Amino acid sequence: KLQKMAEDLNGAQEEKGPELNKQIVRQIEYYFGDINLPRDRFLQEQIKLEDGWVPLDVMQKFKRLSSLTTDSDVIVTALADSELMEVSEDKKKIRRNPNQPLPIYNEERRKELMTRTVYCKGFPREETTLDMLLEFFNLHGPVENVQMRSFKDKVANKFVFKGSVFVIFKTVEEAKEFLEKDVKYEDTELIKKWQADYVESKRKERVTKGTKKNSNQRKNNIPEEEEKKDEPLPLGAILHLKGINGETTREDVKEKLVNEGLDVAFIEFRKGEDEAWIRLLGENSSKNFVEKVKESKFEICGSEIQARALEGEEEEKFLEKTKESIEKRREHNSRMKRGRRGGRGGRGGRGGKRKGSPVRCEPNNKKTKESE
């Protein structure tokens, strides 16, 4: 009975002919493509075993490929039209063409990818699959990758699709053409913009929110430090990254995390160091992020990064250290404000100082400044 079902399935696949071949090539080239392959740990392990070759019986364990066909001969026939993939002489293994090596992921590569990456919003949040999105976008030009953006639903304890994606087109021209035309998904007009414009708009949005908050604090005469004084720091929100290369800057780290949908409160990192500690906003935000990326390859500026969430005593010590730093900054800012009030027109008069205030040098008194 099972054999009869398999024969019926393969017979139906053969009837699809050229269209099925295109789907198979597209799916396998996605697996071995410039974007997915560096992130796919399982495939990375497989290609190290035998000079890049991966057995077809292993490939048939991939869900999306097996939904297209379970017949190795059908796969081999389809890949005859692929410029990226090779089939072994015995027709039992496939690999990425050695003449098309993976590009090195560095800052230049990251910027190049952004020039052909589009942000797109308006897809149904429920029942939308990656297969559906790949099929949809390939109608508008060949794409290298579609990244479904998601968030952690704390109540359901699962990641939920936001209804928006980042799409990397093959060329800048194809991405531009997609942006310039009206595109609907089902009956919904899609919101489209360059990824760079989306990132910049979110940055300005955060700045605006911060400015409004500070303005309200000033109106009520409440210093920001005092307002937050009794606000507890969230647990499960400290992220530790290790494996950062020497060329990576603090801005690179922040930009990568923001693009991943994280709200970054503070980054403890200096260029040249190989690890960083990031304080995020939101309870369990670091835990949720680590859970999200544990099955894929997480990279910053071309280097694979090990990400983990601080827990237990290690987290307690870090939070205690953070609270001390916040308190020191609060005290420093408070002293600076008192100093400004006393320096000119304050209780000490012009140029006067209060008892216990630090000695202040006149700007042009070089001799006094050098003697300090």
Protein backbone atom coordinates (compact mmCIF):
# COMPACT_ATOMS: atom_id res chain seq x y z
CA LYS A 1 0.00 0.00 0.00
CA LEU A 2 2.80 2.42 0.90
CA GLN A 3 4.62 1.59 -2.33
CA LYS A 4 1.43 2.31 -4.32
CA MET A 5 1.05 5.69 -2.56
CA ALA A 6 4.67 6.59 -3.38
CA GLU A 7 4.16 5.61 -7.02
CA ASP A 8 1.01 7.73 -7.24
CA LEU A 9 2.83 10.71 -5.67
CA ASN A 10 5.79 10.47 -8.03
CA GLY A 11 3.47 10.02 -10.99
CA ALA A 12 1.66 13.23 -10.03
CA GLN A 13 5.04 14.98 -9.70
CA GLU A 14 6.13 13.88 -13.16
CA GLU A 15 2.92 15.31 -14.62
CA LYS A 16 3.86 18.77 -13.32
CA GLY A 17 6.99 18.64 -15.50
CA PRO A 18 8.84 21.94 -16.05
CA GLU A 19 7.01 23.79 -13.25
CA LEU A 20 8.01 21.15 -10.71
CA ASN A 21 11.62 21.31 -11.92
CA LYS A 22 11.67 25.08 -11.35
CA GLN A 23 10.32 24.65 -7.82
CA ILE A 24 12.93 21.99 -7.00
CA VAL A 25 15.80 24.08 -8.36
CA ARG A 26 14.56 27.16 -6.51
CA GLN A 27 14.25 25.24 -3.23
CA ILE A 28 17.67 23.55 -3.39
CA GLU A 29 19.40 26.75 -4.53
CA TYR A 30 17.79 28.44 -1.54
CA TYR A 31 19.26 25.81 0.79
CA PHE A 32 22.75 26.20 -0.72
CA GLY A 33 22.44 29.94 -1.45
CA ASP A 34 24.60 32.83 -0.26
CA ILE A 35 22.16 33.78 2.52
CA ASN A 36 20.89 30.47 3.92
CA LEU A 37 23.96 28.22 3.72
CA PRO A 38 26.17 30.24 6.12
CA ARG A 39 23.33 30.17 8.68
CA ASP A 40 22.32 26.52 8.33
CA ARG A 41 24.36 24.60 10.90
CA PHE A 42 23.11 21.21 9.78
CA LEU A 43 24.10 21.76 6.16
CA GLN A 44 27.42 23.27 7.25
CA GLU A 45 28.21 20.06 9.11
CA GLN A 46 27.16 17.92 6.13
CA ILE A 47 29.31 19.71 3.54
CA LYS A 48 32.40 19.24 5.72
CA LEU A 49 32.08 15.44 5.60
CA GLU A 50 32.79 14.77 1.93
CA ASP A 51 34.23 17.71 0.00
CA GLY A 52 30.92 19.55 -0.07
CA TRP A 53 28.81 16.59 -1.24
CA VAL A 54 25.49 15.93 0.51
CA PRO A 55 23.65 12.61 -0.09
CA LEU A 56 20.23 12.93 -1.70
CA ASP A 57 18.69 10.73 0.97
CA VAL A 58 19.80 13.38 3.49
CA MET A 59 18.34 16.19 1.37
CA GLN A 60 15.01 14.38 1.20
CA LYS A 61 14.69 14.84 4.95
CA PHE A 62 14.24 18.57 4.34
CA LYS A 63 10.54 19.22 4.75
CA ARG A 64 9.97 21.70 1.92
CA LEU A 65 11.94 19.65 -0.60
CA SER A 66 10.23 16.41 0.36
CA SER A 67 6.86 18.11 -0.11
CA LEU A 68 7.84 18.65 -3.76
CA THR A 69 9.25 15.20 -4.46
CA THR A 70 10.54 12.03 -2.79
CA ASP A 71 12.19 10.76 -5.96
CA SER A 72 15.97 11.24 -6.30
CA ASP A 73 15.77 10.85 -10.07
CA VAL A 74 13.33 13.78 -10.28
CA ILE A 75 15.75 15.93 -8.26
CA VAL A 76 18.72 14.96 -10.44
CA THR A 77 16.78 15.76 -13.60
CA ALA A 78 15.68 19.14 -12.26
CA LEU A 79 19.21 20.15 -11.21
CA ALA A 80 20.43 19.78 -14.79
CA ASP A 81 19.11 23.34 -15.22
CA SER A 82 20.95 24.73 -12.17
CA GLU A 83 24.13 26.79 -12.50
CA LEU A 84 24.71 26.76 -8.75
CA MET A 85 24.47 23.02 -8.03
CA GLU A 86 26.38 19.92 -9.14
CA VAL A 87 25.29 16.26 -9.20
CA SER A 88 27.79 13.46 -8.51
CA GLU A 89 28.61 10.88 -11.18
CA ASP A 90 26.66 8.18 -9.36
CA LYS A 91 23.69 10.62 -9.11
CA LYS A 92 23.40 10.04 -5.38
CA LYS A 93 24.90 13.29 -4.05
CA ILE A 94 24.72 17.02 -4.74
CA ARG A 95 26.87 20.00 -3.80
CA ARG A 96 27.29 23.70 -4.45
CA ASN A 97 29.50 24.37 -7.46
CA PRO A 98 33.08 24.89 -6.14
CA ASN A 99 33.54 27.58 -8.80
CA GLN A 100 30.92 29.65 -6.98
CA PRO A 101 32.33 29.94 -3.44
CA LEU A 102 30.37 31.64 -0.69
CA PRO A 103 31.10 35.38 -0.51
CA ILE A 104 32.94 36.64 2.57
CA TYR A 105 30.52 38.38 4.89
CA ASN A 106 32.09 41.64 6.05
CA GLU A 107 31.01 45.27 6.42
CA GLU A 108 31.19 45.85 2.67
CA ARG A 109 29.06 42.77 2.03
CA ARG A 110 26.51 43.81 4.67
CA LYS A 111 26.10 47.23 3.07
CA GLU A 112 25.83 45.69 -0.40
CA LEU A 113 23.03 43.37 0.73
CA MET A 114 21.15 46.29 2.25
CA THR A 115 21.13 48.08 -1.13
CA ARG A 116 18.85 45.36 -2.51
CA THR A 117 16.85 44.50 0.60
CA VAL A 118 13.22 45.62 0.86
CA TYR A 119 10.97 45.89 3.91
CA CYS A 120 7.46 44.72 3.11
CA LYS A 121 4.39 44.71 5.39
CA GLY A 122 0.77 43.61 4.99
CA PHE A 123 0.78 39.81 5.05
CA PRO A 124 -1.71 37.81 7.16
CA ARG A 125 -0.21 37.11 10.58
CA GLU A 126 -1.80 33.68 10.74
CA GLU A 127 -1.36 30.75 8.34
CA THR A 128 1.32 32.52 6.27
CA THR A 129 4.24 30.21 5.48
CA LEU A 130 7.70 30.81 4.07
CA ASP A 131 6.81 28.68 1.04
CA MET A 132 3.87 30.96 0.29
CA LEU A 133 6.05 34.05 0.58
CA LEU A 134 8.85 32.63 -1.59
CA GLU A 135 6.34 31.71 -4.27
CA PHE A 136 4.77 35.18 -4.09
CA PHE A 137 8.03 37.15 -4.29
CA ASN A 138 9.49 35.03 -7.07
CA LEU A 139 6.57 36.23 -9.20
CA HIS A 140 8.07 39.72 -8.88
CA GLY A 141 11.67 38.83 -9.66
CA PRO A 142 14.16 36.27 -8.37
CA VAL A 143 14.95 36.67 -4.67
CA GLU A 144 17.83 35.35 -2.59
CA ASN A 145 16.09 35.32 0.75
CA VAL A 146 12.85 36.12 2.56
CA GLN A 147 13.10 36.71 6.31
CA MET A 148 9.82 36.46 8.19
CA ARG A 149 9.88 38.93 11.10
CA SER A 150 8.44 37.59 14.35
CA PHE A 151 8.02 38.34 18.05
CA LYS A 152 7.62 36.18 21.14
CA ASP A 153 4.02 35.89 22.34
CA LYS A 154 4.49 35.53 26.10
CA VAL A 155 0.97 34.20 26.68
CA ALA A 156 1.15 31.52 23.98
CA ASN A 157 4.90 31.04 24.62
CA LYS A 158 5.73 30.92 20.92
CA PHE A 159 7.05 33.13 18.14
CA VAL A 160 4.35 34.86 16.11
CA PHE A 161 4.69 36.29 12.59
CA LYS A 162 4.48 40.11 12.57
CA GLY A 163 3.06 40.28 9.07
CA SER A 164 6.22 41.89 7.68
CA VAL A 165 9.36 40.60 5.97
CA PHE A 166 12.81 41.60 4.72
CA VAL A 167 13.34 40.47 1.11
CA ILE A 168 16.73 40.31 -0.60
CA PHE A 169 16.36 40.56 -4.36
CA LYS A 170 18.99 39.28 -6.80
CA THR A 171 19.80 42.77 -8.05
CA VAL A 172 19.29 46.38 -7.00
CA GLU A 173 17.35 46.99 -10.22
CA GLU A 174 14.85 44.21 -9.46
CA ALA A 175 14.37 45.52 -5.92
CA LYS A 176 13.81 49.05 -7.23
CA GLU A 177 11.31 47.81 -9.81
CA PHE A 178 9.35 46.01 -7.07
CA LEU A 179 9.26 49.18 -4.93
CA GLU A 180 8.02 51.35 -7.79
CA LYS A 181 4.91 49.32 -8.60
CA ASP A 182 1.68 48.78 -6.68
CA VAL A 183 1.69 45.30 -5.18
CA LYS A 184 -1.13 43.50 -3.40
CA TYR A 185 -1.09 40.28 -1.43
CA GLU A 186 -4.57 38.84 -1.78
CA ASP A 187 -6.66 42.02 -1.29
CA THR A 188 -4.18 43.97 0.84
CA GLU A 189 -1.97 46.74 -0.57
CA LEU A 190 1.54 46.11 0.71
CA ILE A 191 3.63 48.75 2.50
CA LYS A 192 7.09 48.75 0.91
CA LYS A 193 10.33 50.63 1.55
CA TRP A 194 14.07 50.10 1.45
CA GLN A 195 15.39 48.28 4.52
CA ALA A 196 17.80 51.18 5.14
CA ASP A 197 14.87 53.64 5.18
CA TYR A 198 12.90 51.39 7.53
CA VAL A 199 15.83 51.11 9.97
CA GLU A 200 16.36 54.88 9.89
CA SER A 201 12.65 55.59 10.47
CA LYS A 202 12.62 53.28 13.50
CA ARG A 203 15.74 55.02 14.84
CA LYS A 204 14.08 58.44 14.50
CA GLU A 205 10.95 57.07 16.14
CA ARG A 206 12.94 55.95 19.17
CA VAL A 207 14.71 59.32 19.37
CA THR A 208 11.37 61.16 19.17
CA LYS A 209 9.88 59.03 21.93
CA GLY A 210 12.92 59.69 24.09
CA THR A 211 12.75 63.45 23.42
CA LYS A 212 9.06 63.62 24.32
CA LYS A 213 9.68 61.67 27.51
CA ASN A 214 12.55 63.96 28.54
CA SER A 215 10.40 67.01 27.73
CA ASN A 216 7.61 65.77 29.99
CA GLN A 217 10.14 65.12 32.74
CA ARG A 218 11.47 68.69 32.46
CA LYS A 219 7.92 70.14 32.56
CA ASN A 220 7.26 68.27 35.78
CA ASN A 221 10.75 69.10 37.07
CA ILE A 222 11.54 65.38 37.46
CA PRO A 223 15.09 64.30 36.56
CA GLU A 224 15.19 61.15 34.41
CA GLU A 225 17.40 59.40 36.95
CA GLU A 226 14.92 60.05 39.77
CA GLU A 227 11.99 58.89 37.68
CA LYS A 228 13.75 55.57 37.06
CA LYS A 229 15.25 55.31 40.52
CA ASP A 230 12.80 52.75 41.85
CA GLU A 231 12.12 51.05 38.53
CA PRO A 232 13.51 47.48 38.68
CA LEU A 233 15.68 46.24 35.85
CA PRO A 234 13.99 43.44 33.87
CA LEU A 235 15.15 39.86 34.39
CA GLY A 236 16.19 37.64 31.49
CA ALA A 237 17.28 40.70 29.51
CA ILE A 238 21.09 40.47 29.59
CA LEU A 239 22.62 39.10 26.39
CA HIS A 240 26.23 37.91 26.13
CA LEU A 241 27.85 37.72 22.68
CA LYS A 242 31.19 36.02 22.01
CA GLY A 243 33.22 35.60 18.81
CA ILE A 244 33.15 39.22 17.63
CA ASN A 245 35.95 40.06 15.18
CA GLY A 246 38.42 42.90 15.67
CA GLU A 247 36.91 45.16 13.00
CA THR A 248 33.43 45.23 14.53
CA THR A 249 32.31 48.48 16.14
CA ARG A 250 29.74 49.14 18.84
CA GLU A 251 27.48 50.62 16.15
CA ASP A 252 27.73 47.39 14.12
CA VAL A 253 26.58 45.36 17.13
CA LYS A 254 23.70 47.69 17.88
CA GLU A 255 22.54 47.86 14.25
CA LYS A 256 22.52 44.06 13.97
CA LEU A 257 20.47 43.65 17.16
CA VAL A 258 18.02 46.40 16.19
CA ASN A 259 17.55 44.72 12.80
CA GLU A 260 16.71 41.54 14.71
CA GLY A 261 13.88 43.44 16.39
CA LEU A 262 15.53 43.96 19.80
CA ASP A 263 15.21 47.07 21.97
CA VAL A 264 18.75 47.85 23.14
CA ALA A 265 19.19 49.77 26.39
CA PHE A 266 22.98 49.58 26.82
CA ILE A 267 25.99 47.90 25.19
CA GLU A 268 29.18 47.12 27.10
CA PHE A 269 31.73 46.67 24.31
CA ARG A 270 34.87 48.22 22.85
CA LYS A 271 36.27 47.69 19.38
CA GLY A 272 38.94 44.98 19.43
CA GLU A 273 37.28 42.91 22.16
CA ASP A 274 35.76 39.56 21.19
CA GLU A 275 32.75 39.66 23.51
CA ALA A 276 30.00 42.07 24.49
CA TRP A 277 27.30 42.37 27.12
CA ILE A 278 24.00 43.91 26.06
CA ARG A 279 21.20 45.04 28.34
CA LEU A 280 17.86 44.79 26.56
CA LEU A 281 14.44 46.17 27.38
CA GLY A 282 11.67 43.76 28.28
CA GLU A 283 11.43 40.77 30.59
CA ASN A 284 13.06 37.60 29.14
CA SER A 285 14.00 39.45 25.93
CA SER A 286 17.51 37.93 25.81
CA LYS A 287 16.19 34.43 26.53
CA ASN A 288 13.63 34.75 23.74
CA PHE A 289 16.29 35.96 21.30
CA VAL A 290 18.71 33.13 22.13
CA GLU A 291 15.89 30.62 21.67
CA LYS A 292 15.09 32.19 18.31
CA VAL A 293 18.64 31.99 16.90
CA LYS A 294 19.85 28.72 18.44
CA GLU A 295 18.88 26.69 15.37
CA SER A 296 20.52 29.08 12.91
CA LYS A 297 23.84 30.80 12.38
CA PHE A 298 23.96 34.25 13.99
CA GLU A 299 26.62 36.52 12.48
CA ILE A 300 27.91 40.04 12.99
CA CYS A 301 30.24 41.46 10.31
CA GLY A 302 30.99 38.01 8.93
CA SER A 303 31.84 36.30 12.22
CA GLU A 304 29.67 33.58 13.73
CA ILE A 305 28.55 34.71 17.17
CA GLN A 306 27.78 32.61 20.22
CA ALA A 307 24.78 34.14 21.99
CA ARG A 308 23.57 33.28 25.46
CA ALA A 309 21.34 34.82 28.11
CA LEU A 310 22.84 35.52 31.53
CA GLU A 311 21.08 33.61 34.30
CA GLY A 312 21.27 32.94 38.01
CA GLU A 313 24.17 34.35 40.03
CA GLU A 314 25.90 35.67 36.90
CA GLU A 315 22.84 37.72 36.00
CA GLU A 316 22.46 38.97 39.59
CA LYS A 317 26.07 40.20 39.68
CA PHE A 318 25.71 41.96 36.33
CA LEU A 319 22.48 43.68 37.39
CA GLU A 320 24.05 44.76 40.67
CA LYS A 321 27.00 46.22 38.77
CA THR A 322 24.56 47.97 36.41
CA LYS A 323 22.63 49.51 39.30
CA GLU A 324 25.88 50.81 40.80
CA SER A 325 26.86 52.37 37.47
CA ILE A 326 23.44 54.02 37.12
CA GLU A 327 23.70 55.39 40.66
CA LYS A 328 27.19 56.78 39.98
CA ARG A 329 25.98 58.52 36.83
CA ARG A 330 23.03 59.90 38.75
CA GLU A 331 25.31 61.32 41.45
CA HIS A 332 27.70 62.73 38.84
CA ASN A 333 24.87 64.45 36.97
CA SER A 334 23.49 65.82 40.21
CA ARG A 335 26.90 67.31 41.13
CA MET A 336 27.25 68.81 37.66
CA LYS A 337 23.85 70.51 37.98
CA ARG A 338 24.69 71.91 41.41
CA GLY A 339 28.03 73.14 40.09
CA ARG A 340 26.35 74.99 37.22
CA ARG A 341 23.92 76.69 39.59
CA GLY A 342 26.74 77.86 41.88
CA GLY A 343 29.22 78.89 39.21
CA ARG A 344 27.47 81.89 37.65
CA GLY A 345 24.73 83.76 39.44
CA GLY A 346 24.25 81.03 42.04
CA ARG A 347 24.72 81.23 45.77
CA GLY A 348 28.39 81.95 45.29
CA GLY A 349 27.72 84.91 42.97
CA ARG A 350 29.75 85.45 39.81
CA GLY A 351 32.65 83.07 39.91
CA GLY A 352 31.91 82.19 43.53
CA LYS A 353 31.98 78.71 44.97
CA ARG A 354 30.19 76.98 47.77
CA LYS A 355 31.83 75.27 50.66
CA GLY A 356 32.81 71.79 49.68
CA SER A 357 32.55 72.49 45.94
CA PRO A 358 35.42 71.35 43.73
CA VAL A 359 37.95 74.00 42.71
CA ARG A 360 37.08 75.37 39.27
CA CYS A 361 39.69 76.91 36.99
CA GLU A 362 39.03 79.96 34.86
CA PRO A 363 39.08 78.96 31.16
CA ASN A 364 41.98 81.27 30.31
CA ASN A 365 44.07 80.68 33.45
CA LYS A 366 46.59 78.26 31.92
CA LYS A 367 49.05 78.57 34.78
CA THR A 368 46.51 77.46 37.37
CA LYS A 369 45.33 74.64 35.10
CA GLU A 370 48.85 73.30 34.65
CA SER A 371 49.52 73.35 38.38
CA GLU A 372 46.53 71.16 39.22
